[in-house]
Amino acid sequence: MNREKSIIIYFSRADENYTVGYQEKGNTEVLAEYIQEFTGANMVKIEPAVPYAKDYETCLKEAKDRQTTKQAPIKQELGDLSSYDTIYLGSPVYWDLMPQELVTAVQSKDYAGKVIKPFVTHEGSGLAKIPNQIQEVCKNAAVVDAIAIKGSTVQDAKEKIRAWLG
């Protein structure tokens, strides 16, 4: 049994999705729930202070604006991470990067001695630049064992997540 204390921090958007239409739960959230089921880790969903539009095209424009301006306030600040050894950091890919809300949440924390294991959902870009971005934003963290799951396949990815967790 793993004695390290872990937390799952993720951003996920439901509503209209690129390949699967409208959904009540975002793809990254589905993966976060699998990870929680297998690890028992605490879980925190990062939510935008101003929700994205429900339709995909409008959401794209809003997300691009937030990425460009780096202005993406969140509903609630991320709490103290000092008691955690491992952080599972979940993100969709937005123009090769994490959504700006996730950056807002994680950028000012102390990651000395922390291990970050990224999990990413995408529709063709794989991990993109997210592991490098995490290394830049989360100074002093060890970023390891990243996994990318195609968003349209998350419902069938439970065993992939189990294998990734070891």
Protein backbone atom coordinates (compact mmCIF):
# COMPACT_ATOMS: atom_id res chain seq x y z
CA MET A 1 0.00 0.00 0.00
CA ASN A 2 1.22 3.46 -0.92
CA ARG A 3 1.85 5.56 2.20
CA GLU A 4 2.34 8.81 0.35
CA LYS A 5 -0.44 11.33 0.64
CA SER A 6 -1.79 12.37 -2.72
CA ILE A 7 -4.22 14.85 -4.22
CA ILE A 8 -5.89 15.13 -7.59
CA ILE A 9 -6.16 18.68 -8.94
CA TYR A 10 -7.90 19.09 -12.25
CA PHE A 11 -9.77 21.35 -14.63
CA SER A 12 -12.56 19.92 -16.74
CA ARG A 13 -15.39 21.35 -18.81
CA ALA A 14 -18.69 19.63 -19.51
CA ASP A 15 -21.30 20.88 -22.02
CA GLU A 16 -20.61 20.69 -25.77
CA ASN A 17 -17.43 18.79 -26.53
CA TYR A 18 -15.46 18.63 -29.76
CA THR A 19 -16.15 14.98 -30.62
CA VAL A 20 -18.84 13.66 -28.32
CA GLY A 21 -21.45 16.41 -28.31
CA TYR A 22 -23.03 17.60 -25.07
CA GLN A 23 -21.95 15.83 -21.91
CA GLU A 24 -22.76 16.33 -18.26
CA LYS A 25 -19.22 15.65 -17.10
CA GLY A 26 -15.98 16.72 -18.76
CA ASN A 27 -13.45 14.19 -20.01
CA THR A 28 -10.73 15.17 -17.56
CA GLU A 29 -13.19 14.83 -14.68
CA VAL A 30 -13.93 11.26 -15.72
CA LEU A 31 -10.22 10.43 -15.53
CA ALA A 32 -9.89 12.23 -12.18
CA GLU A 33 -12.65 10.04 -10.78
CA TYR A 34 -10.88 6.89 -12.00
CA ILE A 35 -7.68 8.04 -10.29
CA GLN A 36 -9.57 8.75 -7.07
CA GLU A 37 -11.22 5.33 -7.19
CA PHE A 38 -7.84 3.60 -7.49
CA THR A 39 -5.81 5.79 -5.11
CA GLY A 40 -8.26 7.20 -2.58
CA ALA A 41 -6.61 10.60 -3.11
CA ASN A 42 -8.32 13.83 -2.16
CA MET A 43 -9.72 15.65 -5.18
CA VAL A 44 -10.10 19.34 -6.10
CA LYS A 45 -11.79 20.62 -9.23
CA ILE A 46 -10.61 24.03 -10.40
CA GLU A 47 -13.57 26.04 -11.68
CA PRO A 48 -13.59 29.35 -13.51
CA ALA A 49 -15.09 32.33 -11.73
CA VAL A 50 -16.88 33.07 -15.00
CA PRO A 51 -18.15 29.81 -16.52
CA TYR A 52 -17.44 29.07 -20.14
CA ALA A 53 -20.29 29.11 -22.66
CA LYS A 54 -22.08 25.80 -23.11
CA ASP A 55 -21.60 25.72 -26.89
CA TYR A 56 -18.20 24.66 -28.20
CA GLU A 57 -17.50 27.50 -30.66
CA THR A 58 -18.19 30.28 -28.15
CA CYS A 59 -16.18 28.42 -25.53
CA LEU A 60 -13.21 28.27 -27.91
CA LYS A 61 -13.25 32.04 -28.30
CA GLU A 62 -13.53 32.58 -24.54
CA ALA A 63 -10.73 30.12 -23.80
CA LYS A 64 -8.43 31.65 -26.40
CA ASP A 65 -9.02 35.10 -24.90
CA ARG A 66 -8.22 33.84 -21.40
CA GLN A 67 -5.07 32.11 -22.67
CA THR A 68 -3.94 35.23 -24.51
CA THR A 69 -4.62 37.72 -21.72
CA LYS A 70 -3.63 35.29 -18.95
CA GLN A 71 -6.73 36.53 -17.13
CA ALA A 72 -8.69 33.58 -15.77
CA PRO A 73 -9.93 34.04 -12.22
CA ILE A 74 -11.13 30.97 -10.40
CA LYS A 75 -14.06 30.41 -8.01
CA GLN A 76 -11.90 29.29 -5.12
CA GLU A 77 -8.19 29.41 -4.43
CA LEU A 78 -6.32 26.14 -4.16
CA GLY A 79 -5.58 25.28 -0.54
CA ASP A 80 -2.35 24.38 1.19
CA LEU A 81 -0.49 21.52 -0.53
CA SER A 82 2.24 21.05 2.08
CA SER A 83 0.86 17.74 3.38
CA TYR A 84 0.83 16.10 -0.07
CA ASP A 85 3.69 14.14 -1.63
CA THR A 86 2.10 13.35 -4.98
CA ILE A 87 -0.10 15.60 -7.10
CA TYR A 88 -2.10 14.17 -9.99
CA LEU A 89 -2.62 17.23 -12.18
CA GLY A 90 -5.36 16.86 -14.78
CA SER A 91 -5.95 19.07 -17.79
CA PRO A 92 -7.47 19.21 -21.23
CA VAL A 93 -5.23 20.65 -23.95
CA TYR A 94 -6.02 24.26 -24.89
CA TRP A 95 -3.73 25.41 -27.71
CA ASP A 96 -0.94 23.04 -26.60
CA LEU A 97 -1.20 24.21 -22.97
CA MET A 98 -3.26 23.88 -19.79
CA PRO A 99 -6.33 26.12 -19.49
CA GLN A 100 -5.36 29.40 -17.90
CA GLU A 101 -7.62 28.68 -14.89
CA LEU A 102 -5.41 25.74 -13.96
CA VAL A 103 -2.31 27.92 -14.24
CA THR A 104 -4.00 30.53 -12.02
CA ALA A 105 -4.69 27.85 -9.41
CA VAL A 106 -1.28 26.21 -9.24
CA GLN A 107 1.23 28.91 -10.11
CA SER A 108 2.01 30.35 -6.67
CA LYS A 109 2.41 27.19 -4.59
CA ASP A 110 5.56 25.60 -3.13
CA TYR A 111 6.40 22.37 -4.96
CA ALA A 112 9.72 21.53 -3.34
CA GLY A 113 9.81 17.78 -2.76
CA LYS A 114 6.53 17.21 -4.63
CA VAL A 115 5.96 14.75 -7.46
CA ILE A 116 3.48 15.83 -10.13
CA LYS A 117 1.95 13.18 -12.37
CA PRO A 118 0.09 14.89 -15.23
CA PHE A 119 -2.96 13.37 -16.90
CA VAL A 120 -4.18 15.03 -20.05
CA THR A 121 -7.22 14.71 -22.30
CA HIS A 122 -6.99 15.68 -25.94
CA GLU A 123 -8.37 14.95 -29.39
CA GLY A 124 -5.10 14.53 -31.24
CA SER A 125 -2.39 16.61 -29.60
CA GLY A 126 -1.26 14.10 -26.98
CA LEU A 127 0.51 15.71 -24.04
CA ALA A 128 1.32 18.79 -26.16
CA LYS A 129 3.51 21.21 -24.13
CA ILE A 130 1.77 20.53 -20.84
CA PRO A 131 4.55 18.61 -18.99
CA ASN A 132 7.03 21.39 -19.84
CA GLN A 133 4.49 24.03 -18.85
CA ILE A 134 3.91 22.31 -15.51
CA GLN A 135 7.66 22.23 -14.89
CA GLU A 136 7.83 25.99 -15.57
CA VAL A 137 4.75 26.90 -13.49
CA CYS A 138 5.32 24.47 -10.60
CA LYS A 139 8.92 25.30 -9.71
CA ASN A 140 10.97 22.60 -7.96
CA ALA A 141 8.44 19.81 -8.65
CA ALA A 142 9.45 16.51 -10.19
CA VAL A 143 7.11 16.11 -13.19
CA VAL A 144 6.94 12.40 -14.06
CA ASP A 145 4.90 9.68 -15.76
CA ALA A 146 2.54 11.87 -17.77
CA ILE A 147 -0.33 10.17 -19.60
CA ALA A 148 -2.49 11.44 -22.44
CA ILE A 149 -5.92 9.95 -23.13
CA LYS A 150 -8.00 10.87 -26.16
CA GLY A 151 -11.12 12.58 -24.82
CA SER A 152 -13.48 10.58 -27.00
CA THR A 153 -12.15 7.38 -25.38
CA VAL A 154 -12.19 8.29 -21.66
CA GLN A 155 -15.23 6.13 -20.96
CA ASP A 156 -13.13 3.11 -21.97
CA ALA A 157 -9.86 4.25 -20.36
CA LYS A 158 -10.31 2.96 -16.81
CA GLU A 159 -7.86 0.09 -17.26
CA LYS A 160 -5.32 2.39 -18.93
CA ILE A 161 -5.49 4.61 -15.84
CA ARG A 162 -5.11 1.61 -13.54
CA ALA A 163 -2.03 0.46 -15.48
CA TRP A 164 -0.57 4.00 -15.45
CA LEU A 165 -0.96 4.18 -11.67
CA GLY A 166 0.90 0.91 -11.32
